[in-house]
Amino acid sequence: MGIVELLLIAVGLSMDAFAVSVCKGLAMKRCTWSKGVIVGLYFGIFQAGMPAIGYFLGVQFKDVITSVDHWIAFILLGIIGGNMIWEAVKGDEACDSSGESLDVRTMLALAVATSIDALTVGITFAFLQVDILLAVSLIGLTTFLLSAVGVKAGAVVGSRGKSWAELAGGLVLVLMGCKILLEHLGVLS
């Protein structure tokens, strides 16, 4: 998997964290870049750590599942992306990201909740030709940057960007799953 594909996956995975960051920015009475950096660090660290954990879990089963790894990647990315698209289209989820609070308990809960998808993607990385260090670095850095900017964007723009971000992220993940499947089936080269 090349750097462009990894970057697209990083952007797709970071959209949940971006959407929550926008909500955090909406809730803040006074939004500063330091608050954006704090939110970005929480989300970036967890988004980088979860695929690493998933990768090492997946490596344990790689030999058993190699013949169907492309189907696993397709199904997992399809489910994750489809869920993100559904949430974006459904649109009834209000921005409730525990308000303005940046306390450890609140931020850990949000960071874990937004990075569960990344754990699953990490499992798929174990079955593909992925430089895991490059992948987790790109995912973590992308999520950090988008989350920090998301906090400021939320304060300025409002909640209009939340659904768009989830829809775009979901589409990217579904398309990457399709690409992986089609490459392994020989349709794409």
C-alpha atoms as a PDB file:
ATOM      1  CA  MET A   1       0.000   0.000   0.000  1.00  0.00           C
ATOM      2  CA  GLY A   2       1.444   3.339  -1.084  1.00  0.00           C
ATOM      3  CA  ILE A   3       1.715   6.639   0.733  1.00  0.00           C
ATOM      4  CA  VAL A   4      -1.224   8.171  -1.172  1.00  0.00           C
ATOM      5  CA  GLU A   5      -3.491   5.297  -0.148  1.00  0.00           C
ATOM      6  CA  LEU A   6      -2.292   5.523   3.452  1.00  0.00           C
ATOM      7  CA  LEU A   7      -2.895   9.261   3.464  1.00  0.00           C
ATOM      8  CA  LEU A   8      -6.425   8.762   2.136  1.00  0.00           C
ATOM      9  CA  ILE A   9      -7.103   6.197   4.851  1.00  0.00           C
ATOM     10  CA  ALA A  10      -5.625   8.587   7.441  1.00  0.00           C
ATOM     11  CA  VAL A  11      -7.972  11.352   6.298  1.00  0.00           C
ATOM     12  CA  GLY A  12     -10.937   8.964   6.276  1.00  0.00           C
ATOM     13  CA  LEU A  13     -10.203   7.707   9.771  1.00  0.00           C
ATOM     14  CA  SER A  14      -9.658  11.186  11.143  1.00  0.00           C
ATOM     15  CA  MET A  15     -13.095  12.433  10.083  1.00  0.00           C
ATOM     16  CA  ASP A  16     -14.832  11.141  13.225  1.00  0.00           C
ATOM     17  CA  ALA A  17     -12.281  12.943  15.376  1.00  0.00           C
ATOM     18  CA  PHE A  18     -12.609  16.037  13.180  1.00  0.00           C
ATOM     19  CA  ALA A  19     -16.391  16.010  13.582  1.00  0.00           C
ATOM     20  CA  VAL A  20     -16.112  15.715  17.379  1.00  0.00           C
ATOM     21  CA  SER A  21     -13.480  18.470  17.374  1.00  0.00           C
ATOM     22  CA  VAL A  22     -15.863  20.749  15.483  1.00  0.00           C
ATOM     23  CA  CYS A  23     -18.447  20.060  18.186  1.00  0.00           C
ATOM     24  CA  LYS A  24     -15.904  20.840  20.909  1.00  0.00           C
ATOM     25  CA  GLY A  25     -15.172  24.150  19.192  1.00  0.00           C
ATOM     26  CA  LEU A  26     -18.884  24.929  19.007  1.00  0.00           C
ATOM     27  CA  ALA A  27     -19.223  24.409  22.762  1.00  0.00           C
ATOM     28  CA  MET A  28     -16.266  26.596  23.737  1.00  0.00           C
ATOM     29  CA  LYS A  29     -16.953  30.101  24.963  1.00  0.00           C
ATOM     30  CA  ARG A  30     -13.365  31.074  24.207  1.00  0.00           C
ATOM     31  CA  CYS A  31     -11.587  28.951  21.631  1.00  0.00           C
ATOM     32  CA  THR A  32      -7.776  29.100  21.525  1.00  0.00           C
ATOM     33  CA  TRP A  33      -5.175  27.243  19.511  1.00  0.00           C
ATOM     34  CA  SER A  34      -3.844  25.678  22.729  1.00  0.00           C
ATOM     35  CA  LYS A  35      -7.257  24.041  23.271  1.00  0.00           C
ATOM     36  CA  GLY A  36      -7.146  22.832  19.668  1.00  0.00           C
ATOM     37  CA  VAL A  37      -3.692  21.340  20.262  1.00  0.00           C
ATOM     38  CA  ILE A  38      -4.904  19.541  23.395  1.00  0.00           C
ATOM     39  CA  VAL A  39      -7.852  18.014  21.522  1.00  0.00           C
ATOM     40  CA  GLY A  40      -5.567  17.184  18.576  1.00  0.00           C
ATOM     41  CA  LEU A  41      -3.069  15.409  20.817  1.00  0.00           C
ATOM     42  CA  TYR A  42      -5.709  13.224  22.445  1.00  0.00           C
ATOM     43  CA  PHE A  43      -7.251  12.209  19.138  1.00  0.00           C
ATOM     44  CA  GLY A  44      -3.950  11.945  17.244  1.00  0.00           C
ATOM     45  CA  ILE A  45      -2.294   9.711  19.838  1.00  0.00           C
ATOM     46  CA  PHE A  46      -5.264   7.355  20.050  1.00  0.00           C
ATOM     47  CA  GLN A  47      -5.788   7.272  16.268  1.00  0.00           C
ATOM     48  CA  ALA A  48      -2.106   6.315  15.884  1.00  0.00           C
ATOM     49  CA  GLY A  49      -2.083   3.799  18.725  1.00  0.00           C
ATOM     50  CA  MET A  50      -5.195   1.845  17.784  1.00  0.00           C
ATOM     51  CA  PRO A  51      -4.037   0.730  14.307  1.00  0.00           C
ATOM     52  CA  ALA A  52      -0.727  -0.330  15.835  1.00  0.00           C
ATOM     53  CA  ILE A  53      -2.579  -2.496  18.347  1.00  0.00           C
ATOM     54  CA  GLY A  54      -4.850  -3.851  15.600  1.00  0.00           C
ATOM     55  CA  TYR A  55      -1.850  -4.596  13.386  1.00  0.00           C
ATOM     56  CA  PHE A  56      -0.102  -6.632  16.081  1.00  0.00           C
ATOM     57  CA  LEU A  57      -3.332  -8.511  16.829  1.00  0.00           C
ATOM     58  CA  GLY A  58      -3.844  -9.196  13.126  1.00  0.00           C
ATOM     59  CA  VAL A  59      -0.289 -10.446  12.650  1.00  0.00           C
ATOM     60  CA  GLN A  60      -1.108 -13.252  15.098  1.00  0.00           C
ATOM     61  CA  PHE A  61      -3.762 -14.569  12.672  1.00  0.00           C
ATOM     62  CA  LYS A  62      -2.130 -13.638   9.352  1.00  0.00           C
ATOM     63  CA  ASP A  63      -1.021 -17.150   8.396  1.00  0.00           C
ATOM     64  CA  VAL A  64      -4.497 -18.544   9.016  1.00  0.00           C
ATOM     65  CA  ILE A  65      -6.386 -15.893   7.057  1.00  0.00           C
ATOM     66  CA  THR A  66      -4.058 -14.996   4.143  1.00  0.00           C
ATOM     67  CA  SER A  67      -6.293 -16.560   1.480  1.00  0.00           C
ATOM     68  CA  VAL A  68      -9.240 -14.298   2.386  1.00  0.00           C
ATOM     69  CA  ASP A  69      -7.426 -11.211   3.656  1.00  0.00           C
ATOM     70  CA  HIS A  70      -8.681  -8.995   0.831  1.00  0.00           C
ATOM     71  CA  TRP A  71     -12.285  -9.935   1.648  1.00  0.00           C
ATOM     72  CA  ILE A  72     -11.683  -9.138   5.322  1.00  0.00           C
ATOM     73  CA  ALA A  73     -10.228  -5.719   4.426  1.00  0.00           C
ATOM     74  CA  PHE A  74     -13.131  -5.054   2.038  1.00  0.00           C
ATOM     75  CA  ILE A  75     -15.778  -6.033   4.593  1.00  0.00           C
ATOM     76  CA  LEU A  76     -14.219  -4.185   7.551  1.00  0.00           C
ATOM     77  CA  LEU A  77     -13.552  -0.977   5.613  1.00  0.00           C
ATOM     78  CA  GLY A  78     -17.022  -1.238   4.052  1.00  0.00           C
ATOM     79  CA  ILE A  79     -18.694  -1.589   7.442  1.00  0.00           C
ATOM     80  CA  ILE A  80     -16.710   1.264   8.998  1.00  0.00           C
ATOM     81  CA  GLY A  81     -17.221   3.543   6.001  1.00  0.00           C
ATOM     82  CA  GLY A  82     -20.870   2.574   5.618  1.00  0.00           C
ATOM     83  CA  ASN A  83     -21.509   3.359   9.267  1.00  0.00           C
ATOM     84  CA  MET A  84     -19.884   6.778   8.892  1.00  0.00           C
ATOM     85  CA  ILE A  85     -21.991   7.485   5.790  1.00  0.00           C
ATOM     86  CA  TRP A  86     -25.144   6.349   7.612  1.00  0.00           C
ATOM     87  CA  GLU A  87     -24.421   8.651  10.547  1.00  0.00           C
ATOM     88  CA  ALA A  88     -23.792  11.564   8.195  1.00  0.00           C
ATOM     89  CA  VAL A  89     -26.983  10.974   6.205  1.00  0.00           C
ATOM     90  CA  LYS A  90     -29.085  10.233   9.288  1.00  0.00           C
ATOM     91  CA  GLY A  91     -27.964  13.567  10.668  1.00  0.00           C
ATOM     92  CA  ASP A  92     -30.014  13.474  13.866  1.00  0.00           C
ATOM     93  CA  GLU A  93     -26.969  13.341  16.112  1.00  0.00           C
ATOM     94  CA  ALA A  94     -26.565  16.686  17.806  1.00  0.00           C
ATOM     95  CA  CYS A  95     -23.159  18.025  18.680  1.00  0.00           C
ATOM     96  CA  ASP A  96     -22.905  16.623  22.169  1.00  0.00           C
ATOM     97  CA  SER A  97     -19.228  16.193  22.838  1.00  0.00           C
ATOM     98  CA  SER A  98     -19.474  16.799  26.555  1.00  0.00           C
ATOM     99  CA  GLY A  99     -19.472  20.527  26.085  1.00  0.00           C
ATOM    100  CA  GLU A 100     -16.426  22.661  26.602  1.00  0.00           C
ATOM    101  CA  SER A 101     -14.677  20.288  29.014  1.00  0.00           C
ATOM    102  CA  LEU A 102     -11.156  19.124  28.182  1.00  0.00           C
ATOM    103  CA  ASP A 103     -10.707  17.083  31.361  1.00  0.00           C
ATOM    104  CA  VAL A 104      -8.836  13.797  31.069  1.00  0.00           C
ATOM    105  CA  ARG A 105     -11.867  11.567  31.650  1.00  0.00           C
ATOM    106  CA  THR A 106     -13.959  13.278  28.975  1.00  0.00           C
ATOM    107  CA  MET A 107     -11.166  13.437  26.428  1.00  0.00           C
ATOM    108  CA  LEU A 108     -10.083   9.812  26.973  1.00  0.00           C
ATOM    109  CA  ALA A 109     -13.643   8.640  26.420  1.00  0.00           C
ATOM    110  CA  LEU A 110     -13.942  10.679  23.215  1.00  0.00           C
ATOM    111  CA  ALA A 111     -10.504   9.601  21.981  1.00  0.00           C
ATOM    112  CA  VAL A 112     -11.290   5.914  22.484  1.00  0.00           C
ATOM    113  CA  ALA A 113     -14.744   6.244  20.924  1.00  0.00           C
ATOM    114  CA  THR A 114     -13.400   7.955  17.797  1.00  0.00           C
ATOM    115  CA  SER A 115     -10.474   5.560  17.369  1.00  0.00           C
ATOM    116  CA  ILE A 116     -12.194   2.157  17.538  1.00  0.00           C
ATOM    117  CA  ASP A 117     -12.459   2.223  13.723  1.00  0.00           C
ATOM    118  CA  ALA A 118      -8.692   2.677  13.542  1.00  0.00           C
ATOM    119  CA  LEU A 119      -8.190  -0.521  15.560  1.00  0.00           C
ATOM    120  CA  THR A 120     -10.142  -2.435  12.933  1.00  0.00           C
ATOM    121  CA  VAL A 121      -8.202  -0.815  10.092  1.00  0.00           C
ATOM    122  CA  GLY A 122      -4.990  -1.821  11.861  1.00  0.00           C
ATOM    123  CA  ILE A 123      -6.117  -5.438  11.708  1.00  0.00           C
ATOM    124  CA  THR A 124      -6.535  -5.114   7.932  1.00  0.00           C
ATOM    125  CA  PHE A 125      -3.026  -3.620   7.697  1.00  0.00           C
ATOM    126  CA  ALA A 126      -1.652  -6.904   9.050  1.00  0.00           C
ATOM    127  CA  PHE A 127      -2.978  -8.707   5.973  1.00  0.00           C
ATOM    128  CA  LEU A 128      -1.703  -6.168   3.451  1.00  0.00           C
ATOM    129  CA  GLN A 129       1.734  -4.897   2.465  1.00  0.00           C
ATOM    130  CA  VAL A 130       1.747  -1.933   4.855  1.00  0.00           C
ATOM    131  CA  ASP A 131       4.654  -0.147   6.492  1.00  0.00           C
ATOM    132  CA  ILE A 132       2.979   0.055   9.891  1.00  0.00           C
ATOM    133  CA  LEU A 133       5.298   2.770  11.236  1.00  0.00           C
ATOM    134  CA  LEU A 134       4.533   5.023   8.257  1.00  0.00           C
ATOM    135  CA  ALA A 135       0.813   4.200   8.495  1.00  0.00           C
ATOM    136  CA  VAL A 136       0.434   5.014  12.200  1.00  0.00           C
ATOM    137  CA  SER A 137       2.557   8.147  11.815  1.00  0.00           C
ATOM    138  CA  LEU A 138       0.394   9.440   8.967  1.00  0.00           C
ATOM    139  CA  ILE A 139      -2.824   8.547  10.773  1.00  0.00           C
ATOM    140  CA  GLY A 140      -1.700  10.174  14.018  1.00  0.00           C
ATOM    141  CA  LEU A 141      -0.342  13.340  12.388  1.00  0.00           C
ATOM    142  CA  THR A 142      -3.339  13.753  10.082  1.00  0.00           C
ATOM    143  CA  THR A 143      -5.774  13.282  12.948  1.00  0.00           C
ATOM    144  CA  PHE A 144      -3.834  15.687  15.154  1.00  0.00           C
ATOM    145  CA  LEU A 145      -3.828  18.412  12.499  1.00  0.00           C
ATOM    146  CA  LEU A 146      -7.451  17.984  11.450  1.00  0.00           C
ATOM    147  CA  SER A 147      -8.649  17.823  15.065  1.00  0.00           C
ATOM    148  CA  ALA A 148      -6.766  20.961  16.081  1.00  0.00           C
ATOM    149  CA  VAL A 149      -8.144  22.803  13.053  1.00  0.00           C
ATOM    150  CA  GLY A 150     -11.585  21.285  13.705  1.00  0.00           C
ATOM    151  CA  VAL A 151     -11.805  22.914  17.125  1.00  0.00           C
ATOM    152  CA  LYS A 152     -11.126  26.331  15.604  1.00  0.00           C
ATOM    153  CA  ALA A 153     -13.439  25.609  12.658  1.00  0.00           C
ATOM    154  CA  GLY A 154     -16.220  24.654  15.048  1.00  0.00           C
ATOM    155  CA  ALA A 155     -15.887  27.961  16.825  1.00  0.00           C
ATOM    156  CA  VAL A 156     -15.987  29.858  13.526  1.00  0.00           C
ATOM    157  CA  VAL A 157     -18.106  27.846  11.090  1.00  0.00           C
ATOM    158  CA  GLY A 158     -20.514  25.861  13.214  1.00  0.00           C
ATOM    159  CA  SER A 159     -21.917  22.358  12.873  1.00  0.00           C
ATOM    160  CA  ARG A 160     -22.459  22.431   9.095  1.00  0.00           C
ATOM    161  CA  GLY A 161     -19.099  20.714   8.509  1.00  0.00           C
ATOM    162  CA  LYS A 162     -19.741  17.758  10.832  1.00  0.00           C
ATOM    163  CA  SER A 163     -21.991  15.736   8.511  1.00  0.00           C
ATOM    164  CA  TRP A 164     -19.877  16.557   5.486  1.00  0.00           C
ATOM    165  CA  ALA A 165     -16.722  15.326   7.253  1.00  0.00           C
ATOM    166  CA  GLU A 166     -18.334  12.022   8.260  1.00  0.00           C
ATOM    167  CA  LEU A 167     -19.745  11.494   4.763  1.00  0.00           C
ATOM    168  CA  ALA A 168     -16.397  12.191   3.087  1.00  0.00           C
ATOM    169  CA  GLY A 169     -14.506   9.968   5.519  1.00  0.00           C
ATOM    170  CA  GLY A 170     -16.979   7.123   5.053  1.00  0.00           C
ATOM    171  CA  LEU A 171     -16.788   7.344   1.267  1.00  0.00           C
ATOM    172  CA  VAL A 172     -12.985   7.262   1.336  1.00  0.00           C
ATOM    173  CA  LEU A 173     -12.959   4.115   3.504  1.00  0.00           C
ATOM    174  CA  VAL A 174     -15.566   2.323   1.365  1.00  0.00           C
ATOM    175  CA  LEU A 175     -13.660   3.193  -1.818  1.00  0.00           C
ATOM    176  CA  MET A 176     -10.357   1.995  -0.318  1.00  0.00           C
ATOM    177  CA  GLY A 177     -12.012  -1.306   0.652  1.00  0.00           C
ATOM    178  CA  CYS A 178     -13.330  -1.712  -2.910  1.00  0.00           C
ATOM    179  CA  LYS A 179      -9.894  -0.904  -4.347  1.00  0.00           C
ATOM    180  CA  ILE A 180      -8.202  -3.518  -2.160  1.00  0.00           C
ATOM    181  CA  LEU A 181     -10.742  -6.174  -3.178  1.00  0.00           C
ATOM    182  CA  LEU A 182     -10.555  -5.333  -6.890  1.00  0.00           C
ATOM    183  CA  GLU A 183      -6.738  -5.398  -6.835  1.00  0.00           C
ATOM    184  CA  HIS A 184      -6.687  -8.853  -5.238  1.00  0.00           C
ATOM    185  CA  LEU A 185      -9.279 -10.134  -7.707  1.00  0.00           C
ATOM    186  CA  GLY A 186      -7.121  -8.882 -10.578  1.00  0.00           C
ATOM    187  CA  VAL A 187      -9.616  -6.287 -11.828  1.00  0.00           C
ATOM    188  CA  LEU A 188      -7.237  -3.407 -10.982  1.00  0.00           C
ATOM    189  CA  SER A 189      -3.499  -3.555 -11.144  1.00  0.00           C
END
